[in-house]
Amino acid sequence: MNSNLDALRLKQPALLQQMQTIARLRRGSLSQQFFQSSDHPATRRGPYYVLQGFFRSQKFSERVPAAQAAQVQEDVDNYRRFQALAEEYVTVSDQLTRLEDEDPDSKKNSRPRRSPPPSFRKPPPS
């Protein structure tokens, strides 16, 4: 089990270091929109790029120029990667905390069960 603790202790700073390498990020998702002309239904205009998402329980939506769409998509991907790394960091920290707090001599549910006091027992059926 000590090797597991050591592995987790090494993984924590590695995850933080990976998170530090992410310099640019944007929350939300980038989508393409097309519009059909009412004059010519077979003709589509676009794509128009839109960044949409939620921030502090508020929906947001903003147009993104086509020239910036690739960079914004990369920033959105970076945000997702950051979120995954942060979740992994929390999981590793939780495991590490549990292993450090675990007493090797104690067993799960090692306390003997006690029966409830007489006042809490069910009365016999009548």
Protein backbone atom coordinates (compact mmCIF):
# COMPACT_ATOMS: atom_id res chain seq x y z
CA MET A 1 0.00 0.00 0.00
CA ASN A 2 2.95 2.33 0.58
CA SER A 3 3.79 2.22 -3.13
CA ASN A 4 0.22 3.32 -3.88
CA LEU A 5 0.66 6.29 -1.54
CA ASP A 6 3.94 7.20 -3.22
CA ALA A 7 2.37 6.97 -6.68
CA LEU A 8 -0.49 9.25 -5.64
CA ARG A 9 1.92 11.73 -4.04
CA LEU A 10 3.85 11.90 -7.33
CA LYS A 11 0.70 12.24 -9.41
CA GLN A 12 -0.61 15.34 -7.58
CA PRO A 13 2.16 17.76 -8.63
CA ALA A 14 2.23 16.24 -12.13
CA LEU A 15 -1.46 17.07 -12.56
CA LEU A 16 -0.92 20.62 -11.28
CA GLN A 17 1.98 21.05 -13.67
CA GLN A 18 -0.19 19.94 -16.60
CA MET A 19 -2.88 22.42 -15.55
CA GLN A 20 -0.29 25.21 -15.41
CA THR A 21 0.68 24.60 -19.04
CA ILE A 22 -2.81 25.64 -20.18
CA ALA A 23 -2.50 29.38 -20.82
CA ARG A 24 -5.63 29.98 -22.89
CA LEU A 25 -9.12 28.61 -22.35
CA ARG A 26 -12.74 29.48 -23.03
CA ARG A 27 -15.77 27.84 -21.47
CA GLY A 28 -18.69 26.76 -23.61
CA SER A 29 -18.93 25.10 -26.99
CA LEU A 30 -18.37 26.42 -30.47
CA SER A 31 -20.98 25.63 -33.08
CA GLN A 32 -21.57 26.46 -36.71
CA GLN A 33 -24.79 28.03 -37.90
CA PHE A 34 -26.11 28.24 -41.43
CA PHE A 35 -28.98 30.35 -42.70
CA GLN A 36 -31.20 29.63 -45.66
CA SER A 37 -32.24 32.47 -47.86
CA SER A 38 -36.00 33.00 -47.98
CA ASP A 39 -35.67 33.93 -51.65
CA HIS A 40 -33.68 30.80 -52.56
CA PRO A 41 -34.39 27.93 -50.11
CA ALA A 42 -31.67 25.75 -51.65
CA THR A 43 -29.01 28.38 -50.90
CA ARG A 44 -27.33 28.35 -47.50
CA ARG A 45 -25.26 31.16 -46.05
CA GLY A 46 -22.54 30.51 -43.55
CA PRO A 47 -21.04 29.01 -41.60
CA TYR A 48 -21.35 31.53 -38.81
CA TYR A 49 -19.57 30.54 -35.60
CA VAL A 50 -21.21 30.93 -32.21
CA LEU A 51 -19.70 30.32 -28.77
CA GLN A 52 -22.40 29.28 -26.30
CA GLY A 53 -22.35 28.19 -22.71
CA PHE A 54 -23.26 28.90 -19.10
CA PHE A 55 -21.43 31.05 -16.59
CA ARG A 56 -22.72 31.59 -13.06
CA SER A 57 -26.10 30.12 -14.00
CA GLN A 58 -26.43 32.54 -16.92
CA LYS A 59 -26.54 31.47 -20.52
CA PHE A 60 -24.20 33.32 -22.87
CA SER A 61 -23.87 33.36 -26.62
CA GLU A 62 -21.43 35.30 -28.75
CA ARG A 63 -20.57 35.40 -32.40
CA VAL A 64 -17.04 34.45 -33.32
CA PRO A 65 -15.42 35.73 -36.54
CA ALA A 66 -14.51 32.91 -38.93
CA ALA A 67 -10.84 33.93 -38.73
CA GLN A 68 -10.86 33.28 -34.96
CA ALA A 69 -12.94 30.08 -34.97
CA ALA A 70 -9.96 27.69 -34.96
CA GLN A 71 -8.33 29.48 -32.00
CA VAL A 72 -11.61 29.60 -30.06
CA GLN A 73 -12.14 25.87 -30.67
CA GLU A 74 -8.65 25.18 -29.33
CA ASP A 75 -9.42 27.35 -26.28
CA VAL A 76 -12.67 25.42 -25.68
CA ASP A 77 -10.75 22.13 -25.95
CA ASN A 78 -8.22 23.48 -23.44
CA TYR A 79 -11.05 24.29 -21.02
CA ARG A 80 -12.36 20.72 -21.26
CA ARG A 81 -8.86 19.36 -20.73
CA PHE A 82 -8.41 21.65 -17.70
CA GLN A 83 -11.73 20.46 -16.24
CA ALA A 84 -10.73 16.81 -16.69
CA LEU A 85 -7.34 17.43 -15.05
CA ALA A 86 -8.99 19.27 -12.14
CA GLU A 87 -11.43 16.41 -11.61
CA GLU A 88 -8.57 13.92 -11.70
CA TYR A 89 -6.66 16.05 -9.16
CA VAL A 90 -9.66 16.01 -6.81
CA THR A 91 -9.97 12.23 -7.18
CA VAL A 92 -6.26 11.65 -6.50
CA SER A 93 -6.33 14.01 -3.50
CA ASP A 94 -9.38 12.25 -2.10
CA GLN A 95 -7.74 8.83 -2.49
CA LEU A 96 -4.54 10.13 -0.92
CA THR A 97 -6.42 11.61 2.04
CA ARG A 98 -8.32 8.38 2.62
CA LEU A 99 -5.15 6.27 2.47
CA GLU A 100 -3.27 8.60 4.81
CA ASP A 101 -6.15 8.60 7.32
CA GLU A 102 -6.54 4.84 7.17
CA ASP A 103 -5.20 3.01 10.20
CA PRO A 104 -3.53 -0.21 9.00
CA ASP A 105 -4.47 -2.06 12.20
CA SER A 106 -8.17 -1.27 12.08
CA LYS A 107 -10.73 -3.11 10.06
CA LYS A 108 -13.86 -1.76 8.47
CA ASN A 109 -16.78 -1.93 10.87
CA SER A 110 -14.53 -3.34 13.56
CA ARG A 111 -16.67 -2.11 16.46
CA PRO A 112 -18.99 -4.76 17.83
CA ARG A 113 -22.65 -4.13 17.24
CA ARG A 114 -24.75 -3.28 20.22
CA SER A 115 -28.41 -3.97 20.46
CA PRO A 116 -30.58 -0.89 20.93
CA PRO A 117 -31.76 0.00 24.42
CA PRO A 118 -35.09 -1.56 25.47
CA SER A 119 -36.97 1.71 24.94
CA PHE A 120 -36.13 1.64 21.20
CA ARG A 121 -37.14 -1.96 20.60
CA LYS A 122 -40.33 -2.79 18.77
CA PRO A 123 -43.19 -3.81 20.98
CA PRO A 124 -44.32 -7.39 20.53
CA PRO A 125 -47.33 -7.83 18.22
CA SER A 126 -50.67 -7.94 19.98
